[in-house]
């Protein structure tokens, strides 16, 4: 049996950071509009 910190995996992975960056760019564009 093993365990994982699911919160850390969901929030600190590279994939999550990339998604956050893309959504922030999109939010900035919408804010300008």
ModelCIF file with pLDDT and N, C-alpha, C, O atoms, coordinates in Angstrom:
data_MODEL
#
_entry.id   MODEL 
#
_entity.id                         1 
_entity.type                       polymer 
_entity.pdbx_number_of_molecules   1 
#
_entity_poly.entity_id                      1 
_entity_poly.type                           'polypeptide(L)' 
_entity_poly.nstd_linkage                   no 
_entity_poly.nstd_monomer                   no 
_entity_poly.pdbx_seq_one_letter_code       
;(UNK)(UNK)(UNK)(UNK)(UNK)(UNK)(UNK)(UNK)(UNK)(UNK)(UNK)(UNK)(UNK)(UNK)(UNK)(UNK)
(UNK)(UNK)(UNK)(UNK)(UNK)(UNK)(UNK)(UNK)(UNK)(UNK)(UNK)(UNK)(UNK)(UNK)(UNK)(UNK)
(UNK)
;
_entity_poly.pdbx_seq_one_letter_code_can   XXXXXXXXXXXXXXXXXXXXXXXXXXXXXXXXX 
_entity_poly.pdbx_strand_id                 A 
#
loop_
_entity_poly_seq.entity_id 
_entity_poly_seq.num 
_entity_poly_seq.mon_id 
_entity_poly_seq.hetero 
1 1  UNK n 
1 2  UNK n 
1 3  UNK n 
1 4  UNK n 
1 5  UNK n 
1 6  UNK n 
1 7  UNK n 
1 8  UNK n 
1 9  UNK n 
1 10 UNK n 
1 11 UNK n 
1 12 UNK n 
1 13 UNK n 
1 14 UNK n 
1 15 UNK n 
1 16 UNK n 
1 17 UNK n 
1 18 UNK n 
1 19 UNK n 
1 20 UNK n 
1 21 UNK n 
1 22 UNK n 
1 23 UNK n 
1 24 UNK n 
1 25 UNK n 
1 26 UNK n 
1 27 UNK n 
1 28 UNK n 
1 29 UNK n 
1 30 UNK n 
1 31 UNK n 
1 32 UNK n 
1 33 UNK n 
#
_struct_asym.id          A 
_struct_asym.entity_id   1 
#
loop_
_ma_qa_metric.id 
_ma_qa_metric.mode 
_ma_qa_metric.name 
_ma_qa_metric.software_group_id 
_ma_qa_metric.type 
1 global pLDDT . pLDDT 
2 local  pLDDT . pLDDT 
#
_ma_qa_metric_global.metric_id      1 
_ma_qa_metric_global.metric_value   92.91 
_ma_qa_metric_global.model_id       1 
_ma_qa_metric_global.ordinal_id     1 
#
loop_
_ma_qa_metric_local.label_asym_id 
_ma_qa_metric_local.label_comp_id 
_ma_qa_metric_local.label_seq_id 
_ma_qa_metric_local.metric_id 
_ma_qa_metric_local.metric_value 
_ma_qa_metric_local.model_id 
_ma_qa_metric_local.ordinal_id 
A UNK 1  2 96.00 1 1  
A UNK 2  2 97.00 1 2  
A UNK 3  2 97.00 1 3  
A UNK 4  2 97.00 1 4  
A UNK 5  2 95.00 1 5  
A UNK 6  2 93.00 1 6  
A UNK 7  2 92.00 1 7  
A UNK 8  2 94.00 1 8  
A UNK 9  2 95.00 1 9  
A UNK 10 2 93.00 1 10 
A UNK 11 2 93.00 1 11 
A UNK 12 2 94.00 1 12 
A UNK 13 2 94.00 1 13 
A UNK 14 2 94.00 1 14 
A UNK 15 2 94.00 1 15 
A UNK 16 2 93.00 1 16 
A UNK 17 2 94.00 1 17 
A UNK 18 2 94.00 1 18 
A UNK 19 2 92.00 1 19 
A UNK 20 2 92.00 1 20 
A UNK 21 2 93.00 1 21 
A UNK 22 2 92.00 1 22 
A UNK 23 2 90.00 1 23 
A UNK 24 2 92.00 1 24 
A UNK 25 2 92.00 1 25 
A UNK 26 2 90.00 1 26 
A UNK 27 2 89.00 1 27 
A UNK 28 2 92.00 1 28 
A UNK 29 2 91.00 1 29 
A UNK 30 2 89.00 1 30 
A UNK 31 2 90.00 1 31 
A UNK 32 2 92.00 1 32 
A UNK 33 2 91.00 1 33 
#
loop_
_atom_site.group_PDB 
_atom_site.id 
_atom_site.type_symbol 
_atom_site.label_atom_id 
_atom_site.label_alt_id 
_atom_site.label_comp_id 
_atom_site.label_asym_id 
_atom_site.label_entity_id 
_atom_site.label_seq_id 
_atom_site.pdbx_PDB_ins_code 
_atom_site.Cartn_x 
_atom_site.Cartn_y 
_atom_site.Cartn_z 
_atom_site.occupancy 
_atom_site.B_iso_or_equiv 
_atom_site.pdbx_formal_charge 
_atom_site.auth_seq_id 
_atom_site.auth_comp_id 
_atom_site.auth_asym_id 
_atom_site.auth_atom_id 
_atom_site.pdbx_PDB_model_num 
ATOM 1   N N  . UNK A 1 1  ? 0.840   -1.190 0.000   1.00 96.00 ? 1  UNK A N  1 
ATOM 2   C CA . UNK A 1 1  ? 0.000   0.000  0.000   1.00 96.00 ? 1  UNK A CA 1 
ATOM 3   C C  . UNK A 1 1  ? 0.878   1.244  0.000   1.00 96.00 ? 1  UNK A C  1 
ATOM 4   O O  . UNK A 1 1  ? 1.899   1.297  0.685   1.00 96.00 ? 1  UNK A O  1 
ATOM 5   N N  . UNK A 1 2  ? 0.469   2.242  -0.775  1.00 97.00 ? 2  UNK A N  1 
ATOM 6   C CA . UNK A 1 2  ? 1.157   3.526  -0.817  1.00 97.00 ? 2  UNK A CA 1 
ATOM 7   C C  . UNK A 1 2  ? 0.132   4.651  -0.638  1.00 97.00 ? 2  UNK A C  1 
ATOM 8   O O  . UNK A 1 2  ? -1.075  4.427  -0.729  1.00 97.00 ? 2  UNK A O  1 
ATOM 9   N N  . UNK A 1 3  ? 0.630   5.851  -0.386  1.00 97.00 ? 3  UNK A N  1 
ATOM 10  C CA . UNK A 1 3  ? -0.250  7.013  -0.246  1.00 97.00 ? 3  UNK A CA 1 
ATOM 11  C C  . UNK A 1 3  ? 0.301   8.155  -1.089  1.00 97.00 ? 3  UNK A C  1 
ATOM 12  O O  . UNK A 1 3  ? 1.494   8.200  -1.389  1.00 97.00 ? 3  UNK A O  1 
ATOM 13  N N  . UNK A 1 4  ? -0.592  9.089  -1.473  1.00 97.00 ? 4  UNK A N  1 
ATOM 14  C CA . UNK A 1 4  ? -0.185  10.285 -2.209  1.00 97.00 ? 4  UNK A CA 1 
ATOM 15  C C  . UNK A 1 4  ? -0.917  11.494 -1.628  1.00 97.00 ? 4  UNK A C  1 
ATOM 16  O O  . UNK A 1 4  ? -2.038  11.391 -1.129  1.00 97.00 ? 4  UNK A O  1 
ATOM 17  N N  . UNK A 1 5  ? -0.250  12.632 -1.710  1.00 95.00 ? 5  UNK A N  1 
ATOM 18  C CA . UNK A 1 5  ? -0.863  13.908 -1.325  1.00 95.00 ? 5  UNK A CA 1 
ATOM 19  C C  . UNK A 1 5  ? -1.627  14.411 -2.554  1.00 95.00 ? 5  UNK A C  1 
ATOM 20  O O  . UNK A 1 5  ? -1.050  15.063 -3.424  1.00 95.00 ? 5  UNK A O  1 
ATOM 21  N N  . UNK A 1 6  ? -2.911  14.109 -2.621  1.00 93.00 ? 6  UNK A N  1 
ATOM 22  C CA . UNK A 1 6  ? -3.708  14.442 -3.802  1.00 93.00 ? 6  UNK A CA 1 
ATOM 23  C C  . UNK A 1 6  ? -3.798  15.950 -4.007  1.00 93.00 ? 6  UNK A C  1 
ATOM 24  O O  . UNK A 1 6  ? -3.758  16.428 -5.141  1.00 93.00 ? 6  UNK A O  1 
ATOM 25  N N  . UNK A 1 7  ? -3.917  16.690 -2.925  1.00 92.00 ? 7  UNK A N  1 
ATOM 26  C CA . UNK A 1 7  ? -4.001  18.149 -3.037  1.00 92.00 ? 7  UNK A CA 1 
ATOM 27  C C  . UNK A 1 7  ? -2.755  18.714 -3.732  1.00 92.00 ? 7  UNK A C  1 
ATOM 28  O O  . UNK A 1 7  ? -2.858  19.590 -4.591  1.00 92.00 ? 7  UNK A O  1 
ATOM 29  N N  . UNK A 1 8  ? -1.601  18.212 -3.358  1.00 94.00 ? 8  UNK A N  1 
ATOM 30  C CA . UNK A 1 8  ? -0.350  18.677 -3.958  1.00 94.00 ? 8  UNK A CA 1 
ATOM 31  C C  . UNK A 1 8  ? -0.277  18.303 -5.432  1.00 94.00 ? 8  UNK A C  1 
ATOM 32  O O  . UNK A 1 8  ? 0.123   19.119 -6.262  1.00 94.00 ? 8  UNK A O  1 
ATOM 33  N N  . UNK A 1 9  ? -0.657  17.086 -5.757  1.00 95.00 ? 9  UNK A N  1 
ATOM 34  C CA . UNK A 1 9  ? -0.603  16.640 -7.147  1.00 95.00 ? 9  UNK A CA 1 
ATOM 35  C C  . UNK A 1 9  ? -1.552  17.440 -8.042  1.00 95.00 ? 9  UNK A C  1 
ATOM 36  O O  . UNK A 1 9  ? -1.222  17.744 -9.188  1.00 95.00 ? 9  UNK A O  1 
ATOM 37  N N  . UNK A 1 10 ? -2.715  17.776 -7.521  1.00 93.00 ? 10 UNK A N  1 
ATOM 38  C CA . UNK A 1 10 ? -3.697  18.512 -8.312  1.00 93.00 ? 10 UNK A CA 1 
ATOM 39  C C  . UNK A 1 10 ? -3.302  19.972 -8.516  1.00 93.00 ? 10 UNK A C  1 
ATOM 40  O O  . UNK A 1 10 ? -3.614  20.560 -9.551  1.00 93.00 ? 10 UNK A O  1 
ATOM 41  N N  . UNK A 1 11 ? -2.617  20.557 -7.537  1.00 93.00 ? 11 UNK A N  1 
ATOM 42  C CA . UNK A 1 11 ? -2.385  21.989 -7.578  1.00 93.00 ? 11 UNK A CA 1 
ATOM 43  C C  . UNK A 1 11 ? -0.962  22.406 -7.941  1.00 93.00 ? 11 UNK A C  1 
ATOM 44  O O  . UNK A 1 11 ? -0.740  23.555 -8.320  1.00 93.00 ? 11 UNK A O  1 
ATOM 45  N N  . UNK A 1 12 ? 0.003   21.496 -7.832  1.00 94.00 ? 12 UNK A N  1 
ATOM 46  C CA . UNK A 1 12 ? 1.385   21.892 -8.057  1.00 94.00 ? 12 UNK A CA 1 
ATOM 47  C C  . UNK A 1 12 ? 2.025   21.218 -9.264  1.00 94.00 ? 12 UNK A C  1 
ATOM 48  O O  . UNK A 1 12 ? 3.210   21.424 -9.525  1.00 94.00 ? 12 UNK A O  1 
ATOM 49  N N  . UNK A 1 13 ? 1.277   20.431 -9.990  1.00 94.00 ? 13 UNK A N  1 
ATOM 50  C CA . UNK A 1 13 ? 1.852   19.767 -11.164 1.00 94.00 ? 13 UNK A CA 1 
ATOM 51  C C  . UNK A 1 13 ? 2.100   20.784 -12.274 1.00 94.00 ? 13 UNK A C  1 
ATOM 52  O O  . UNK A 1 13 ? 1.487   21.852 -12.297 1.00 94.00 ? 13 UNK A O  1 
ATOM 53  N N  . UNK A 1 14 ? 2.991   20.449 -13.182 1.00 94.00 ? 14 UNK A N  1 
ATOM 54  C CA . UNK A 1 14 ? 3.312   21.332 -14.301 1.00 94.00 ? 14 UNK A CA 1 
ATOM 55  C C  . UNK A 1 14 ? 2.083   21.551 -15.184 1.00 94.00 ? 14 UNK A C  1 
ATOM 56  O O  . UNK A 1 14 ? 1.867   22.648 -15.697 1.00 94.00 ? 14 UNK A O  1 
ATOM 57  N N  . UNK A 1 15 ? 1.287   20.505 -15.355 1.00 94.00 ? 15 UNK A N  1 
ATOM 58  C CA . UNK A 1 15 ? 0.078   20.628 -16.159 1.00 94.00 ? 15 UNK A CA 1 
ATOM 59  C C  . UNK A 1 15 ? -0.863  21.663 -15.566 1.00 94.00 ? 15 UNK A C  1 
ATOM 60  O O  . UNK A 1 15 ? -1.426  22.481 -16.293 1.00 94.00 ? 15 UNK A O  1 
ATOM 61  N N  . UNK A 1 16 ? -1.036  21.631 -14.246 1.00 93.00 ? 16 UNK A N  1 
ATOM 62  C CA . UNK A 1 16 ? -1.924  22.606 -13.599 1.00 93.00 ? 16 UNK A CA 1 
ATOM 63  C C  . UNK A 1 16 ? -1.387  24.016 -13.758 1.00 93.00 ? 16 UNK A C  1 
ATOM 64  O O  . UNK A 1 16 ? -2.160  24.944 -13.993 1.00 93.00 ? 16 UNK A O  1 
ATOM 65  N N  . UNK A 1 17 ? -0.069  24.197 -13.634 1.00 94.00 ? 17 UNK A N  1 
ATOM 66  C CA . UNK A 1 17 ? 0.520   25.518 -13.789 1.00 94.00 ? 17 UNK A CA 1 
ATOM 67  C C  . UNK A 1 17 ? 0.327   26.043 -15.208 1.00 94.00 ? 17 UNK A C  1 
ATOM 68  O O  . UNK A 1 17 ? 0.059   27.229 -15.401 1.00 94.00 ? 17 UNK A O  1 
ATOM 69  N N  . UNK A 1 18 ? 0.460   25.167 -16.199 1.00 94.00 ? 18 UNK A N  1 
ATOM 70  C CA . UNK A 1 18 ? 0.254   25.583 -17.590 1.00 94.00 ? 18 UNK A CA 1 
ATOM 71  C C  . UNK A 1 18 ? -1.193  25.995 -17.829 1.00 94.00 ? 18 UNK A C  1 
ATOM 72  O O  . UNK A 1 18 ? -1.457  26.987 -18.508 1.00 94.00 ? 18 UNK A O  1 
ATOM 73  N N  . UNK A 1 19 ? -2.121  25.238 -17.273 1.00 92.00 ? 19 UNK A N  1 
ATOM 74  C CA . UNK A 1 19 ? -3.539  25.578 -17.416 1.00 92.00 ? 19 UNK A CA 1 
ATOM 75  C C  . UNK A 1 19 ? -3.818  26.923 -16.755 1.00 92.00 ? 19 UNK A C  1 
ATOM 76  O O  . UNK A 1 19 ? -4.538  27.754 -17.309 1.00 92.00 ? 19 UNK A O  1 
ATOM 77  N N  . UNK A 1 20 ? -3.249  27.138 -15.572 1.00 92.00 ? 20 UNK A N  1 
ATOM 78  C CA . UNK A 1 20 ? -3.446  28.411 -14.873 1.00 92.00 ? 20 UNK A CA 1 
ATOM 79  C C  . UNK A 1 20 ? -2.919  29.585 -15.695 1.00 92.00 ? 20 UNK A C  1 
ATOM 80  O O  . UNK A 1 20 ? -3.569  30.626 -15.789 1.00 92.00 ? 20 UNK A O  1 
ATOM 81  N N  . UNK A 1 21 ? -1.743  29.414 -16.287 1.00 93.00 ? 21 UNK A N  1 
ATOM 82  C CA . UNK A 1 21 ? -1.149  30.487 -17.078 1.00 93.00 ? 21 UNK A CA 1 
ATOM 83  C C  . UNK A 1 21 ? -2.010  30.811 -18.295 1.00 93.00 ? 21 UNK A C  1 
ATOM 84  O O  . UNK A 1 21 ? -2.211  31.980 -18.625 1.00 93.00 ? 21 UNK A O  1 
ATOM 85  N N  . UNK A 1 22 ? -2.516  29.780 -18.956 1.00 92.00 ? 22 UNK A N  1 
ATOM 86  C CA . UNK A 1 22 ? -3.360  29.997 -20.135 1.00 92.00 ? 22 UNK A CA 1 
ATOM 87  C C  . UNK A 1 22 ? -4.661  30.703 -19.761 1.00 92.00 ? 22 UNK A C  1 
ATOM 88  O O  . UNK A 1 22 ? -5.130  31.585 -20.482 1.00 92.00 ? 22 UNK A O  1 
ATOM 89  N N  . UNK A 1 23 ? -5.236  30.307 -18.629 1.00 90.00 ? 23 UNK A N  1 
ATOM 90  C CA . UNK A 1 23 ? -6.484  30.922 -18.208 1.00 90.00 ? 23 UNK A CA 1 
ATOM 91  C C  . UNK A 1 23 ? -6.259  32.357 -17.746 1.00 90.00 ? 23 UNK A C  1 
ATOM 92  O O  . UNK A 1 23 ? -7.134  33.203 -17.932 1.00 90.00 ? 23 UNK A O  1 
ATOM 93  N N  . UNK A 1 24 ? -5.113  32.647 -17.153 1.00 92.00 ? 24 UNK A N  1 
ATOM 94  C CA . UNK A 1 24 ? -4.809  34.013 -16.742 1.00 92.00 ? 24 UNK A CA 1 
ATOM 95  C C  . UNK A 1 24 ? -4.648  34.918 -17.965 1.00 92.00 ? 24 UNK A C  1 
ATOM 96  O O  . UNK A 1 24 ? -5.113  36.058 -17.960 1.00 92.00 ? 24 UNK A O  1 
ATOM 97  N N  . UNK A 1 25 ? -3.991  34.413 -19.012 1.00 92.00 ? 25 UNK A N  1 
ATOM 98  C CA . UNK A 1 25 ? -3.846  35.194 -20.246 1.00 92.00 ? 25 UNK A CA 1 
ATOM 99  C C  . UNK A 1 25 ? -5.212  35.464 -20.873 1.00 92.00 ? 25 UNK A C  1 
ATOM 100 O O  . UNK A 1 25 ? -5.482  36.569 -21.344 1.00 92.00 ? 25 UNK A O  1 
ATOM 101 N N  . UNK A 1 26 ? -6.060  34.456 -20.875 1.00 90.00 ? 26 UNK A N  1 
ATOM 102 C CA . UNK A 1 26 ? -7.391  34.626 -21.435 1.00 90.00 ? 26 UNK A CA 1 
ATOM 103 C C  . UNK A 1 26 ? -8.206  35.614 -20.607 1.00 90.00 ? 26 UNK A C  1 
ATOM 104 O O  . UNK A 1 26 ? -8.965  36.414 -21.153 1.00 90.00 ? 26 UNK A O  1 
ATOM 105 N N  . UNK A 1 27 ? -8.042  35.553 -19.279 1.00 89.00 ? 27 UNK A N  1 
ATOM 106 C CA . UNK A 1 27 ? -8.762  36.479 -18.405 1.00 89.00 ? 27 UNK A CA 1 
ATOM 107 C C  . UNK A 1 27 ? -8.301  37.920 -18.638 1.00 89.00 ? 27 UNK A C  1 
ATOM 108 O O  . UNK A 1 27 ? -9.117  38.841 -18.617 1.00 89.00 ? 27 UNK A O  1 
ATOM 109 N N  . UNK A 1 28 ? -6.999  38.121 -18.860 1.00 92.00 ? 28 UNK A N  1 
ATOM 110 C CA . UNK A 1 28 ? -6.480  39.457 -19.138 1.00 92.00 ? 28 UNK A CA 1 
ATOM 111 C C  . UNK A 1 28 ? -7.065  40.009 -20.437 1.00 92.00 ? 28 UNK A C  1 
ATOM 112 O O  . UNK A 1 28 ? -7.407  41.188 -20.529 1.00 92.00 ? 28 UNK A O  1 
ATOM 113 N N  . UNK A 1 29 ? -7.173  39.131 -21.441 1.00 91.00 ? 29 UNK A N  1 
ATOM 114 C CA . UNK A 1 29 ? -7.743  39.556 -22.718 1.00 91.00 ? 29 UNK A CA 1 
ATOM 115 C C  . UNK A 1 29 ? -9.203  39.956 -22.557 1.00 91.00 ? 29 UNK A C  1 
ATOM 116 O O  . UNK A 1 29 ? -9.636  40.971 -23.104 1.00 91.00 ? 29 UNK A O  1 
ATOM 117 N N  . UNK A 1 30 ? -9.966  39.157 -21.804 1.00 89.00 ? 30 UNK A N  1 
ATOM 118 C CA . UNK A 1 30 ? -11.376 39.464 -21.584 1.00 89.00 ? 30 UNK A CA 1 
ATOM 119 C C  . UNK A 1 30 ? -11.530 40.747 -20.769 1.00 89.00 ? 30 UNK A C  1 
ATOM 120 O O  . UNK A 1 30 ? -12.454 41.527 -21.002 1.00 89.00 ? 30 UNK A O  1 
ATOM 121 N N  . UNK A 1 31 ? -10.630 40.962 -19.818 1.00 90.00 ? 31 UNK A N  1 
ATOM 122 C CA . UNK A 1 31 ? -10.684 42.178 -19.011 1.00 90.00 ? 31 UNK A CA 1 
ATOM 123 C C  . UNK A 1 31 ? -10.477 43.407 -19.879 1.00 90.00 ? 31 UNK A C  1 
ATOM 124 O O  . UNK A 1 31 ? -11.158 44.418 -19.704 1.00 90.00 ? 31 UNK A O  1 
ATOM 125 N N  . UNK A 1 32 ? -9.543  43.322 -20.810 1.00 92.00 ? 32 UNK A N  1 
ATOM 126 C CA . UNK A 1 32 ? -9.312  44.439 -21.727 1.00 92.00 ? 32 UNK A CA 1 
ATOM 127 C C  . UNK A 1 32 ? -10.554 44.722 -22.558 1.00 92.00 ? 32 UNK A C  1 
ATOM 128 O O  . UNK A 1 32 ? -10.896 45.880 -22.793 1.00 92.00 ? 32 UNK A O  1 
ATOM 129 N N  . UNK A 1 33 ? -11.237 43.653 -23.008 1.00 91.00 ? 33 UNK A N  1 
ATOM 130 C CA . UNK A 1 33 ? -12.452 43.836 -23.800 1.00 91.00 ? 33 UNK A CA 1 
ATOM 131 C C  . UNK A 1 33 ? -13.543 44.522 -22.982 1.00 91.00 ? 33 UNK A C  1 
ATOM 132 O O  . UNK A 1 33 ? -14.640 44.757 -23.491 1.00 91.00 ? 33 UNK A O  1 
#
